[in-house]
N, C-alpha and C. Protein backbone atom coordinates (compact mmCIF):
# COMPACT_ATOMS: atom_id res chain seq x y z
N MET A 1 -66.93 30.22 28.20
CA MET A 1 -65.83 29.52 28.75
C MET A 1 -65.67 28.13 28.13
N ALA A 2 -66.73 27.54 27.75
CA ALA A 2 -66.70 26.24 27.10
C ALA A 2 -65.96 26.33 25.78
N ILE A 3 -66.09 27.45 25.14
CA ILE A 3 -65.41 27.65 23.85
C ILE A 3 -63.91 27.72 24.09
N LEU A 4 -63.53 28.40 25.16
CA LEU A 4 -62.11 28.53 25.46
C LEU A 4 -61.53 27.17 25.85
N GLN A 5 -62.30 26.40 26.58
CA GLN A 5 -61.82 25.07 26.96
C GLN A 5 -61.69 24.17 25.74
N ALA A 6 -62.60 24.30 24.81
CA ALA A 6 -62.55 23.51 23.56
C ALA A 6 -61.34 23.92 22.74
N GLU A 7 -61.11 25.22 22.68
CA GLU A 7 -59.95 25.72 21.92
C GLU A 7 -58.65 25.28 22.61
N LEU A 8 -58.65 25.31 23.96
CA LEU A 8 -57.47 24.86 24.71
C LEU A 8 -57.22 23.38 24.47
N ALA A 9 -58.27 22.59 24.50
CA ALA A 9 -58.14 21.15 24.26
C ALA A 9 -57.62 20.91 22.84
N GLN A 10 -58.16 21.67 21.90
CA GLN A 10 -57.72 21.52 20.50
C GLN A 10 -56.26 21.94 20.37
N ALA A 11 -55.87 23.03 21.03
CA ALA A 11 -54.48 23.50 20.97
C ALA A 11 -53.54 22.49 21.61
N GLN A 12 -53.99 21.89 22.72
CA GLN A 12 -53.15 20.88 23.36
C GLN A 12 -53.02 19.63 22.48
N GLU A 13 -54.13 19.29 21.84
CA GLU A 13 -54.09 18.15 20.90
C GLU A 13 -53.15 18.44 19.75
N GLU A 14 -53.22 19.64 19.24
CA GLU A 14 -52.35 20.07 18.13
C GLU A 14 -50.90 20.08 18.60
N LYS A 15 -50.69 20.55 19.84
CA LYS A 15 -49.34 20.58 20.41
C LYS A 15 -48.79 19.15 20.52
N ALA A 16 -49.61 18.23 20.97
CA ALA A 16 -49.19 16.84 21.11
C ALA A 16 -48.82 16.25 19.75
N LYS A 17 -49.65 16.55 18.73
CA LYS A 17 -49.34 16.08 17.37
C LYS A 17 -48.01 16.66 16.89
N GLN A 18 -47.79 17.94 17.14
CA GLN A 18 -46.54 18.60 16.72
C GLN A 18 -45.35 17.99 17.46
N GLU A 19 -45.53 17.70 18.75
CA GLU A 19 -44.44 17.08 19.53
C GLU A 19 -44.11 15.69 18.99
N GLU A 20 -45.16 14.95 18.59
CA GLU A 20 -44.94 13.62 17.98
C GLU A 20 -44.16 13.76 16.67
N LYS A 21 -44.56 14.74 15.86
CA LYS A 21 -43.86 14.98 14.59
C LYS A 21 -42.40 15.35 14.87
N ILE A 22 -42.19 16.23 15.86
CA ILE A 22 -40.83 16.66 16.20
C ILE A 22 -40.01 15.47 16.67
N ALA A 23 -40.61 14.63 17.51
CA ALA A 23 -39.91 13.43 17.99
C ALA A 23 -39.56 12.52 16.82
N ALA A 24 -40.51 12.38 15.87
CA ALA A 24 -40.25 11.54 14.69
C ALA A 24 -39.12 12.14 13.85
N TYR A 25 -39.14 13.48 13.69
CA TYR A 25 -38.07 14.14 12.92
C TYR A 25 -36.72 13.98 13.62
N VAL A 26 -36.69 14.11 14.95
CA VAL A 26 -35.45 13.95 15.70
C VAL A 26 -34.91 12.53 15.52
N LYS A 27 -35.84 11.56 15.64
CA LYS A 27 -35.42 10.16 15.45
C LYS A 27 -34.89 9.94 14.03
N GLN A 28 -35.59 10.48 13.05
CA GLN A 28 -35.16 10.34 11.65
C GLN A 28 -33.82 11.04 11.45
N LYS A 29 -33.66 12.21 12.09
CA LYS A 29 -32.40 12.95 11.99
C LYS A 29 -31.25 12.12 12.58
N GLN A 30 -31.48 11.48 13.71
CA GLN A 30 -30.46 10.64 14.32
C GLN A 30 -30.12 9.44 13.42
N GLN A 31 -31.16 8.84 12.85
CA GLN A 31 -30.94 7.70 11.94
C GLN A 31 -30.12 8.14 10.72
N LEU A 32 -30.48 9.26 10.15
CA LEU A 32 -29.74 9.77 8.99
C LEU A 32 -28.31 10.13 9.36
N HIS A 33 -28.14 10.71 10.54
CA HIS A 33 -26.80 11.05 11.00
C HIS A 33 -25.95 9.78 11.17
N TRP A 34 -26.56 8.73 11.73
CA TRP A 34 -25.86 7.45 11.91
C TRP A 34 -25.48 6.85 10.55
N GLU A 35 -26.42 6.89 9.61
CA GLU A 35 -26.15 6.37 8.26
C GLU A 35 -25.05 7.19 7.57
N LEU A 36 -25.07 8.52 7.79
CA LEU A 36 -24.04 9.38 7.21
C LEU A 36 -22.67 9.00 7.76
N ARG A 37 -22.57 8.80 9.07
CA ARG A 37 -21.29 8.39 9.67
C ARG A 37 -20.83 7.06 9.11
N LYS A 38 -21.77 6.15 8.98
CA LYS A 38 -21.45 4.83 8.41
C LYS A 38 -20.91 4.98 6.98
N LEU A 39 -21.58 5.80 6.19
CA LEU A 39 -21.13 6.03 4.81
C LEU A 39 -19.77 6.73 4.77
N GLN A 40 -19.56 7.68 5.66
CA GLN A 40 -18.27 8.37 5.71
C GLN A 40 -17.15 7.39 6.08
N GLY A 41 -17.43 6.50 7.04
CA GLY A 41 -16.45 5.48 7.42
C GLY A 41 -16.15 4.56 6.25
N SER A 42 -17.20 4.18 5.55
CA SER A 42 -17.04 3.31 4.38
C SER A 42 -16.26 4.02 3.29
N GLN A 43 -16.56 5.31 3.11
CA GLN A 43 -15.85 6.11 2.11
C GLN A 43 -14.36 6.21 2.47
N GLU A 44 -14.07 6.43 3.74
CA GLU A 44 -12.68 6.53 4.18
C GLU A 44 -11.95 5.20 3.96
N GLN A 45 -12.64 4.12 4.26
CA GLN A 45 -12.04 2.80 4.04
C GLN A 45 -11.77 2.57 2.55
N CYS A 46 -12.70 2.98 1.71
CA CYS A 46 -12.50 2.85 0.26
C CYS A 46 -11.31 3.69 -0.21
N LYS A 47 -11.17 4.90 0.34
CA LYS A 47 -10.04 5.75 -0.01
C LYS A 47 -8.72 5.07 0.38
N GLU A 48 -8.70 4.49 1.60
CA GLU A 48 -7.49 3.81 2.06
C GLU A 48 -7.17 2.61 1.17
N GLU A 49 -8.19 1.85 0.81
CA GLU A 49 -7.99 0.70 -0.09
C GLU A 49 -7.49 1.15 -1.45
N ALA A 50 -8.07 2.23 -1.97
CA ALA A 50 -7.64 2.75 -3.27
C ALA A 50 -6.18 3.20 -3.19
N HIS A 51 -5.82 3.87 -2.10
CA HIS A 51 -4.43 4.32 -1.93
C HIS A 51 -3.49 3.12 -1.86
N SER A 52 -3.90 2.11 -1.11
CA SER A 52 -3.09 0.89 -0.98
C SER A 52 -2.92 0.21 -2.34
N LEU A 53 -4.00 0.14 -3.11
CA LEU A 53 -3.94 -0.47 -4.43
C LEU A 53 -3.07 0.35 -5.39
N GLN A 54 -3.11 1.67 -5.26
CA GLN A 54 -2.26 2.51 -6.10
C GLN A 54 -0.78 2.27 -5.77
N GLU A 55 -0.48 2.14 -4.47
CA GLU A 55 0.90 1.86 -4.08
C GLU A 55 1.34 0.51 -4.62
N ARG A 56 0.47 -0.49 -4.53
CA ARG A 56 0.78 -1.83 -5.05
C ARG A 56 1.00 -1.78 -6.55
N LEU A 57 0.14 -1.05 -7.25
CA LEU A 57 0.28 -0.89 -8.70
C LEU A 57 1.62 -0.25 -9.04
N HIS A 58 1.98 0.78 -8.29
CA HIS A 58 3.26 1.45 -8.51
C HIS A 58 4.41 0.47 -8.31
N GLU A 59 4.32 -0.32 -7.24
CA GLU A 59 5.36 -1.31 -6.95
C GLU A 59 5.47 -2.33 -8.08
N LEU A 60 4.33 -2.82 -8.55
CA LEU A 60 4.33 -3.81 -9.63
C LEU A 60 4.86 -3.21 -10.94
N ARG A 61 4.52 -1.95 -11.20
CA ARG A 61 5.06 -1.30 -12.40
C ARG A 61 6.57 -1.17 -12.32
N SER A 62 7.06 -0.81 -11.12
CA SER A 62 8.51 -0.69 -10.93
C SER A 62 9.19 -2.04 -11.15
N ARG A 63 8.60 -3.09 -10.61
CA ARG A 63 9.16 -4.43 -10.81
C ARG A 63 9.16 -4.82 -12.28
N ALA A 64 8.05 -4.55 -12.94
CA ALA A 64 7.95 -4.88 -14.37
C ALA A 64 9.01 -4.12 -15.17
N GLN A 65 9.21 -2.85 -14.86
CA GLN A 65 10.22 -2.06 -15.55
C GLN A 65 11.61 -2.63 -15.29
N TYR A 66 11.88 -3.02 -14.03
CA TYR A 66 13.17 -3.61 -13.68
C TYR A 66 13.42 -4.87 -14.51
N TRP A 67 12.42 -5.75 -14.57
CA TRP A 67 12.59 -7.02 -15.30
C TRP A 67 12.71 -6.77 -16.81
N GLN A 68 11.99 -5.77 -17.32
CA GLN A 68 12.11 -5.45 -18.75
C GLN A 68 13.52 -4.95 -19.06
N GLU A 69 14.06 -4.09 -18.19
CA GLU A 69 15.42 -3.58 -18.41
C GLU A 69 16.44 -4.71 -18.28
N LEU A 70 16.23 -5.59 -17.29
CA LEU A 70 17.13 -6.73 -17.12
C LEU A 70 17.08 -7.63 -18.35
N TYR A 71 15.89 -7.88 -18.87
CA TYR A 71 15.73 -8.70 -20.07
C TYR A 71 16.43 -8.05 -21.25
N LYS A 72 16.23 -6.74 -21.40
CA LYS A 72 16.87 -6.01 -22.51
C LYS A 72 18.39 -6.10 -22.40
N ASP A 73 18.92 -5.84 -21.19
CA ASP A 73 20.37 -5.90 -20.99
C ASP A 73 20.90 -7.31 -21.23
N SER A 74 20.17 -8.31 -20.74
CA SER A 74 20.60 -9.70 -20.93
C SER A 74 20.58 -10.08 -22.40
N THR A 75 19.56 -9.63 -23.10
CA THR A 75 19.46 -9.92 -24.54
C THR A 75 20.61 -9.28 -25.29
N GLN A 76 20.93 -8.03 -24.93
CA GLN A 76 22.04 -7.36 -25.59
C GLN A 76 23.36 -8.07 -25.29
N ALA A 77 23.55 -8.48 -24.04
CA ALA A 77 24.78 -9.18 -23.66
C ALA A 77 24.87 -10.51 -24.40
N LEU A 78 23.74 -11.20 -24.50
CA LEU A 78 23.72 -12.48 -25.22
C LEU A 78 24.04 -12.27 -26.70
N ASP A 79 23.48 -11.23 -27.29
CA ASP A 79 23.77 -10.93 -28.70
C ASP A 79 25.26 -10.66 -28.90
N MET A 80 25.85 -9.89 -27.98
CA MET A 80 27.28 -9.59 -28.09
C MET A 80 28.10 -10.87 -27.97
N ARG A 81 27.73 -11.74 -27.04
CA ARG A 81 28.48 -13.00 -26.86
C ARG A 81 28.32 -13.89 -28.07
N GLU A 82 27.14 -13.90 -28.66
CA GLU A 82 26.95 -14.70 -29.87
C GLU A 82 27.83 -14.17 -31.00
N GLU A 83 27.92 -12.84 -31.10
CA GLU A 83 28.79 -12.25 -32.12
C GLU A 83 30.25 -12.63 -31.84
N GLN A 84 30.66 -12.56 -30.57
CA GLN A 84 32.02 -12.95 -30.21
C GLN A 84 32.26 -14.42 -30.52
N LEU A 85 31.27 -15.26 -30.30
CA LEU A 85 31.39 -16.68 -30.59
C LEU A 85 31.59 -16.91 -32.08
N VAL A 86 30.83 -16.18 -32.89
CA VAL A 86 30.98 -16.31 -34.34
C VAL A 86 32.39 -15.90 -34.75
N VAL A 87 32.89 -14.79 -34.19
CA VAL A 87 34.24 -14.32 -34.50
C VAL A 87 35.26 -15.37 -34.08
N CYS A 88 35.08 -15.93 -32.89
CA CYS A 88 36.01 -16.96 -32.41
C CYS A 88 35.98 -18.20 -33.30
N LYS A 89 34.80 -18.58 -33.74
CA LYS A 89 34.69 -19.75 -34.63
C LYS A 89 35.41 -19.49 -35.95
N VAL A 90 35.25 -18.28 -36.47
CA VAL A 90 35.93 -17.94 -37.72
C VAL A 90 37.44 -17.96 -37.51
N GLU A 91 37.89 -17.36 -36.38
CA GLU A 91 39.32 -17.37 -36.08
C GLU A 91 39.83 -18.79 -35.89
N LEU A 92 39.07 -19.63 -35.22
CA LEU A 92 39.45 -21.01 -35.01
C LEU A 92 39.56 -21.76 -36.34
N ALA A 93 38.61 -21.54 -37.22
CA ALA A 93 38.66 -22.19 -38.53
C ALA A 93 39.90 -21.72 -39.29
N PHE A 94 40.18 -20.42 -39.22
CA PHE A 94 41.37 -19.88 -39.89
C PHE A 94 42.64 -20.50 -39.30
N LEU A 95 42.71 -20.55 -37.96
CA LEU A 95 43.90 -21.11 -37.31
C LEU A 95 44.06 -22.60 -37.61
N LYS A 96 42.95 -23.33 -37.69
CA LYS A 96 43.02 -24.75 -38.06
C LYS A 96 43.60 -24.91 -39.47
N GLU A 97 43.12 -24.05 -40.34
CA GLU A 97 43.61 -24.09 -41.72
C GLU A 97 45.10 -23.76 -41.76
N GLU A 98 45.51 -22.73 -41.01
CA GLU A 98 46.92 -22.36 -40.95
C GLU A 98 47.74 -23.49 -40.33
N LEU A 99 47.23 -24.13 -39.28
CA LEU A 99 47.93 -25.25 -38.65
C LEU A 99 48.07 -26.41 -39.63
N SER A 100 47.00 -26.68 -40.37
CA SER A 100 47.04 -27.75 -41.35
C SER A 100 48.11 -27.46 -42.42
N LYS A 101 48.17 -26.23 -42.88
CA LYS A 101 49.19 -25.85 -43.87
C LYS A 101 50.59 -26.00 -43.29
N ALA A 102 50.75 -25.54 -42.04
CA ALA A 102 52.06 -25.63 -41.39
C ALA A 102 52.47 -27.08 -41.21
N MET A 103 51.52 -27.94 -40.82
CA MET A 103 51.82 -29.36 -40.65
C MET A 103 52.23 -29.99 -41.99
N GLU A 104 51.55 -29.60 -43.06
CA GLU A 104 51.91 -30.11 -44.38
C GLU A 104 53.33 -29.68 -44.75
N GLN A 105 53.64 -28.42 -44.44
CA GLN A 105 54.99 -27.94 -44.74
C GLN A 105 56.03 -28.71 -43.94
N VAL A 106 55.74 -28.99 -42.68
CA VAL A 106 56.67 -29.75 -41.85
C VAL A 106 56.84 -31.16 -42.41
N GLN A 107 55.73 -31.77 -42.80
CA GLN A 107 55.80 -33.12 -43.38
C GLN A 107 56.59 -33.11 -44.69
N ASP A 108 56.34 -32.08 -45.51
CA ASP A 108 57.09 -31.97 -46.76
C ASP A 108 58.58 -31.83 -46.50
N ARG A 109 58.95 -31.02 -45.52
CA ARG A 109 60.36 -30.84 -45.19
C ARG A 109 60.98 -32.13 -44.68
N LYS A 110 60.21 -32.85 -43.85
CA LYS A 110 60.72 -34.12 -43.33
C LYS A 110 60.94 -35.11 -44.46
N ARG A 111 59.98 -35.15 -45.37
CA ARG A 111 60.12 -36.07 -46.51
C ARG A 111 61.33 -35.70 -47.35
N GLN A 112 61.49 -34.41 -47.57
CA GLN A 112 62.63 -33.96 -48.37
C GLN A 112 63.93 -34.23 -47.63
N HIS A 113 63.91 -34.07 -46.38
CA HIS A 113 65.11 -34.24 -45.56
C HIS A 113 65.51 -35.71 -45.45
N HIS A 114 64.54 -36.60 -45.43
CA HIS A 114 64.82 -38.02 -45.29
C HIS A 114 64.94 -38.73 -46.62
N SER A 115 64.80 -38.07 -47.67
CA SER A 115 64.93 -38.75 -48.97
C SER A 115 66.40 -39.10 -49.19
N PRO A 116 66.70 -40.20 -49.94
CA PRO A 116 68.10 -40.63 -50.13
C PRO A 116 68.95 -39.56 -50.80
N ARG A 117 68.41 -38.88 -51.73
CA ARG A 117 69.19 -37.87 -52.43
C ARG A 117 69.49 -36.70 -51.51
N ALA A 118 68.49 -36.27 -50.72
CA ALA A 118 68.71 -35.15 -49.82
C ALA A 118 69.65 -35.55 -48.71
N GLY A 119 69.61 -36.84 -48.26
CA GLY A 119 70.48 -37.31 -47.19
C GLY A 119 71.92 -37.36 -47.60
N ALA A 120 72.19 -37.76 -48.84
CA ALA A 120 73.56 -37.86 -49.33
C ALA A 120 74.18 -36.49 -49.46
N GLN A 121 73.41 -35.52 -49.83
CA GLN A 121 73.96 -34.19 -50.03
C GLN A 121 74.11 -33.43 -48.72
N ASN A 122 73.16 -33.59 -47.81
CA ASN A 122 73.13 -32.79 -46.61
C ASN A 122 73.83 -33.43 -45.43
N GLY A 123 74.13 -34.72 -45.45
CA GLY A 123 74.73 -35.37 -44.31
C GLY A 123 73.67 -35.82 -43.33
N PRO A 124 74.10 -36.09 -42.09
CA PRO A 124 73.12 -36.56 -41.10
C PRO A 124 72.11 -35.44 -40.76
N PRO A 125 70.93 -35.84 -40.35
CA PRO A 125 69.90 -34.83 -40.01
C PRO A 125 70.32 -34.07 -38.76
N SER A 126 69.98 -32.81 -38.74
CA SER A 126 70.35 -31.98 -37.60
C SER A 126 69.33 -32.17 -36.49
N THR A 127 69.74 -31.86 -35.27
CA THR A 127 68.83 -32.03 -34.11
C THR A 127 68.14 -30.72 -33.77
N ARG A 128 68.30 -29.73 -34.56
CA ARG A 128 67.68 -28.44 -34.29
C ARG A 128 66.21 -28.40 -34.63
N GLU A 129 65.72 -29.34 -35.31
CA GLU A 129 64.30 -29.30 -35.74
C GLU A 129 63.38 -29.32 -34.66
């Protein structure tokens, strides 16, 4: 009977050790589960931040494209206006030259009209000029 009591005591001691190990494993399992939840929450937050940053990047790309197109259109409009300005300057120079020639012709006619010889032949100057 002493042998059975010794074996029983040993079995109970072994059982107690196993229960301690099980309790330690349960505690470790809970700790790991808590850490896993924490990591999953962190992962979800990172996903949300990444999504938010992607949306911001898309918005900034759209803005950049808008400003590039506006710059391109403005540059083209400016180039066209500069070309029109050059054409206008050329036309203005031509018209100034034509005006100068016309003024010279008018002055020449006035001189011819007011000369003594032209006055004697033509009579008084007309008011139609």
